[in-house]
Amino acid sequence: MSFLVVNLPTVLYSFRNLMEYLQALYAAEPVYFLVGGISTVTFLLKLALLGLSGISKDLDLDSDSDNHLGAEASFKLFTTQTLLVFLMGMGWLGLAVRTELKLSHALAAAVALGFGFSMMMLAAFLAKHLTRLNQIPTFNRWSLVGTRGRVYLTVPPRGRGEGEVEVILGGGKKILKATNESAAEIPSFTEVTVTGIEGKHLVVKKAE
């Protein structure tokens, strides 16, 4: 606590210097400053919301396809993310070349636009490849029949709901929804065999 109290004046002084510096940049080139600042804040907020959303996707058990990745990720140049990256690159570099290199308005605009477009192309390229890495694989549902797994969430008797089982799929462990073939409940951690498919549910029974 004493450390914070002693250094509080230093922190306040540094903050005041930072604000004065930002005010000077705004006064020198308000357009570039606002474009870079607003786009950066928007981009960071979008990233934060994306991180907090916690969206999870289930595997797609496709009866008409064998083990393969879904549709090829397409190259999308004009998206919200790439446009924000374009504005950030253009705004901050335009501000830099005007205030530091003292370039003319026309030359600074050309450099800023070129840099912003280059950053937008790079962002689109990275987004395409990241999307490809994160694609959810689809599998032929019938390839699971005859395989063994383990109950993750108790599977109730047939006709009384669903449970979850852990199976090996696509080289990794996956947890999928399952129904019971028999009238006896299958408790968690029990070894089971997949005997069939009903919709997107596995049908299982106790392993023999």
Protein backbone atom coordinates (compact mmCIF):
# COMPACT_ATOMS: atom_id res chain seq x y z
CA MET A 1 0.00 0.00 0.00
CA SER A 2 2.81 2.42 0.87
CA PHE A 3 4.39 1.69 -2.50
CA LEU A 4 1.19 2.73 -4.26
CA VAL A 5 0.87 5.90 -2.16
CA VAL A 6 4.47 6.94 -2.79
CA ASN A 7 4.20 6.34 -6.53
CA LEU A 8 0.74 7.84 -7.01
CA PRO A 9 2.11 11.32 -7.89
CA THR A 10 4.41 9.71 -10.45
CA VAL A 11 1.52 7.80 -11.99
CA LEU A 12 -0.63 10.93 -12.13
CA TYR A 13 2.22 12.92 -13.67
CA SER A 14 2.79 10.26 -16.32
CA PHE A 15 -0.92 10.12 -17.08
CA ARG A 16 -1.04 13.89 -17.45
CA ASN A 17 1.92 13.81 -19.84
CA LEU A 18 0.24 11.08 -21.86
CA MET A 19 -2.98 13.08 -22.13
CA GLU A 20 -1.06 16.17 -23.19
CA TYR A 21 0.75 14.15 -25.84
CA LEU A 22 -2.53 12.72 -27.18
CA GLN A 23 -4.08 16.18 -27.22
CA ALA A 24 -1.11 17.46 -29.22
CA LEU A 25 -1.51 14.63 -31.75
CA TYR A 26 -5.21 15.34 -32.05
CA ALA A 27 -4.57 19.03 -32.57
CA ALA A 28 -1.98 18.29 -35.26
CA GLU A 29 -3.93 15.68 -37.25
CA PRO A 30 -7.47 15.21 -35.90
CA VAL A 31 -8.71 13.08 -38.82
CA TYR A 32 -5.96 10.45 -38.66
CA PHE A 33 -6.06 10.48 -34.85
CA LEU A 34 -9.81 9.87 -34.69
CA VAL A 35 -9.76 7.22 -37.42
CA GLY A 36 -6.95 5.30 -35.70
CA GLY A 37 -8.30 5.75 -32.18
CA ILE A 38 -11.95 4.88 -32.81
CA SER A 39 -11.10 1.87 -34.99
CA THR A 40 -8.63 0.57 -32.40
CA VAL A 41 -11.13 0.86 -29.53
CA THR A 42 -13.83 -0.81 -31.63
CA PHE A 43 -11.48 -3.63 -32.63
CA LEU A 44 -10.45 -4.28 -29.02
CA LEU A 45 -14.08 -4.27 -27.84
CA LYS A 46 -14.97 -6.73 -30.59
CA LEU A 47 -12.13 -9.03 -29.50
CA ALA A 48 -13.23 -8.79 -25.87
CA LEU A 49 -16.84 -9.64 -26.74
CA LEU A 50 -15.68 -12.55 -28.86
CA GLY A 51 -13.57 -13.87 -26.00
CA LEU A 52 -16.44 -13.55 -23.51
CA SER A 53 -19.01 -15.18 -25.78
CA GLY A 54 -17.61 -18.65 -25.13
CA ILE A 55 -19.34 -20.10 -28.18
CA SER A 56 -18.78 -23.84 -28.54
CA LYS A 57 -19.68 -26.01 -31.51
CA ASP A 58 -20.64 -29.64 -31.62
CA LEU A 59 -19.36 -32.11 -34.15
CA ASP A 60 -21.49 -32.53 -37.23
CA LEU A 61 -22.33 -36.18 -37.74
CA ASP A 62 -23.06 -36.21 -41.45
CA SER A 63 -24.56 -39.40 -42.84
CA ASP A 64 -23.62 -38.57 -46.41
CA SER A 65 -19.92 -37.87 -45.99
CA ASP A 66 -16.85 -39.69 -44.83
CA ASN A 67 -14.19 -38.23 -42.55
CA HIS A 68 -13.32 -34.86 -44.08
CA LEU A 69 -13.20 -31.17 -43.33
CA GLY A 70 -16.17 -29.01 -44.15
CA ALA A 71 -16.36 -26.50 -46.95
CA GLU A 72 -13.07 -24.85 -47.78
CA ALA A 73 -12.55 -21.57 -45.97
CA SER A 74 -13.06 -18.72 -48.42
CA PHE A 75 -10.93 -15.61 -48.73
CA LYS A 76 -13.06 -12.69 -47.56
CA LEU A 77 -11.40 -9.32 -48.01
CA PHE A 78 -14.21 -7.06 -46.83
CA THR A 79 -15.34 -8.03 -43.34
CA THR A 80 -15.83 -6.01 -40.17
CA GLN A 81 -12.45 -7.17 -38.84
CA THR A 82 -10.49 -6.42 -42.01
CA LEU A 83 -12.09 -2.99 -42.38
CA LEU A 84 -11.18 -2.17 -38.79
CA VAL A 85 -7.61 -3.30 -39.43
CA PHE A 86 -7.53 -1.12 -42.56
CA LEU A 87 -8.71 1.92 -40.59
CA MET A 88 -6.24 1.27 -37.76
CA GLY A 89 -3.31 0.95 -40.16
CA MET A 90 -4.31 3.97 -42.20
CA GLY A 91 -5.05 6.14 -39.17
CA TRP A 92 -1.94 5.47 -37.12
CA LEU A 93 0.55 5.42 -40.01
CA GLY A 94 -1.02 8.53 -41.50
CA LEU A 95 -0.62 10.24 -38.14
CA ALA A 96 2.99 9.08 -37.87
CA VAL A 97 4.13 10.20 -41.33
CA ARG A 98 2.44 13.57 -40.93
CA THR A 99 3.76 14.37 -37.46
CA GLU A 100 7.16 12.65 -37.56
CA LEU A 101 8.20 12.60 -41.24
CA LYS A 102 6.36 15.81 -42.15
CA LEU A 103 5.11 14.41 -45.46
CA SER A 104 2.66 16.41 -47.55
CA HIS A 105 -1.05 15.71 -47.20
CA ALA A 106 -1.23 13.95 -50.57
CA LEU A 107 1.84 11.77 -50.01
CA ALA A 108 0.82 10.95 -46.44
CA ALA A 109 -2.65 9.94 -47.62
CA ALA A 110 -1.17 7.69 -50.33
CA VAL A 111 1.22 6.01 -47.88
CA ALA A 112 -1.52 5.60 -45.24
CA LEU A 113 -3.99 4.11 -47.71
CA GLY A 114 -1.39 1.73 -49.11
CA PHE A 115 -0.36 0.57 -45.66
CA GLY A 116 -3.97 0.20 -44.52
CA PHE A 117 -4.82 -1.90 -47.58
CA SER A 118 -1.75 -4.09 -47.03
CA MET A 119 -2.78 -4.68 -43.43
CA MET A 120 -6.32 -5.50 -44.56
CA MET A 121 -4.99 -8.09 -47.03
CA LEU A 122 -2.81 -9.62 -44.31
CA ALA A 123 -5.74 -9.76 -41.87
CA ALA A 124 -7.95 -11.46 -44.49
CA PHE A 125 -5.21 -13.99 -45.27
CA LEU A 126 -4.71 -14.83 -41.58
CA ALA A 127 -8.46 -15.04 -40.98
CA LYS A 128 -8.83 -17.51 -43.85
CA HIS A 129 -6.17 -19.83 -42.50
CA LEU A 130 -7.35 -19.53 -38.88
CA THR A 131 -10.88 -20.38 -40.02
CA ARG A 132 -9.56 -23.43 -41.82
CA LEU A 133 -7.75 -24.58 -38.67
CA ASN A 134 -10.90 -24.10 -36.57
CA GLN A 135 -13.30 -25.81 -38.94
CA ILE A 136 -15.42 -28.50 -37.33
CA PRO A 137 -14.81 -31.85 -39.03
CA THR A 138 -17.76 -33.90 -40.25
CA PHE A 139 -17.90 -37.66 -39.96
CA ASN A 140 -19.91 -40.52 -41.34
CA ARG A 141 -22.16 -41.35 -38.39
CA TRP A 142 -22.31 -45.01 -39.25
CA SER A 143 -18.55 -45.36 -38.88
CA LEU A 144 -19.12 -45.21 -35.11
CA VAL A 145 -21.28 -48.34 -35.04
CA GLY A 146 -19.40 -51.19 -33.42
CA THR A 147 -16.90 -48.93 -31.65
CA ARG A 148 -16.56 -48.79 -27.89
CA GLY A 149 -16.72 -45.86 -25.57
CA ARG A 150 -17.37 -44.83 -21.99
CA VAL A 151 -20.41 -43.18 -20.47
CA TYR A 152 -19.70 -39.58 -19.55
CA LEU A 153 -23.20 -38.62 -18.40
CA THR A 154 -25.57 -41.38 -17.23
CA VAL A 155 -27.64 -42.79 -20.08
CA PRO A 156 -31.22 -43.35 -18.85
CA PRO A 157 -33.36 -46.34 -19.88
CA ARG A 158 -34.61 -46.38 -23.45
CA GLY A 159 -37.33 -43.82 -24.08
CA ARG A 160 -36.52 -41.78 -20.95
CA GLY A 161 -34.09 -39.25 -22.29
CA GLU A 162 -30.48 -39.00 -23.33
CA GLY A 163 -27.02 -39.18 -21.85
CA GLU A 164 -23.52 -38.58 -23.13
CA VAL A 165 -20.74 -40.95 -24.06
CA GLU A 166 -17.05 -40.46 -24.74
CA VAL A 167 -15.80 -42.07 -27.95
CA ILE A 168 -12.68 -41.94 -30.10
CA LEU A 169 -13.52 -40.00 -33.24
CA GLY A 170 -11.17 -38.49 -35.78
CA GLY A 171 -8.14 -39.41 -33.71
CA GLY A 172 -9.37 -37.69 -30.55
CA LYS A 173 -11.81 -38.13 -27.69
CA LYS A 174 -15.25 -36.64 -28.29
CA ILE A 175 -18.31 -36.46 -26.09
CA LEU A 176 -21.55 -37.13 -27.99
CA LYS A 177 -25.19 -37.48 -27.02
CA ALA A 178 -26.51 -41.02 -26.74
CA THR A 179 -29.65 -43.02 -26.03
CA ASN A 180 -29.97 -46.44 -24.47
CA GLU A 181 -30.74 -49.65 -26.34
CA SER A 182 -31.95 -51.41 -23.20
CA ALA A 183 -34.39 -50.75 -20.37
CA ALA A 184 -31.62 -50.59 -17.76
CA GLU A 185 -29.86 -47.34 -16.91
CA ILE A 186 -26.16 -47.17 -17.83
CA PRO A 187 -24.23 -45.23 -15.16
CA SER A 188 -21.27 -42.96 -15.74
CA PHE A 189 -17.85 -44.50 -16.46
CA THR A 190 -19.43 -47.72 -17.80
CA GLU A 191 -17.91 -49.18 -20.96
CA VAL A 192 -20.42 -49.24 -23.80
CA THR A 193 -20.68 -50.32 -27.43
CA VAL A 194 -22.32 -48.19 -30.11
CA THR A 195 -25.02 -50.32 -31.75
CA GLY A 196 -26.71 -47.80 -34.00
CA ILE A 197 -27.63 -44.20 -34.83
CA GLU A 198 -30.92 -42.42 -34.26
CA GLY A 199 -30.91 -38.92 -35.68
CA LYS A 200 -27.81 -37.34 -34.20
CA HIS A 201 -27.79 -39.61 -31.17
CA LEU A 202 -25.68 -42.69 -30.74
CA VAL A 203 -27.52 -45.80 -29.56
CA VAL A 204 -25.43 -47.69 -27.01
CA LYS A 205 -25.50 -50.75 -24.79
CA LYS A 206 -23.24 -52.05 -22.03
CA ALA A 207 -20.09 -53.55 -23.47
CA GLU A 208 -19.82 -57.31 -23.14
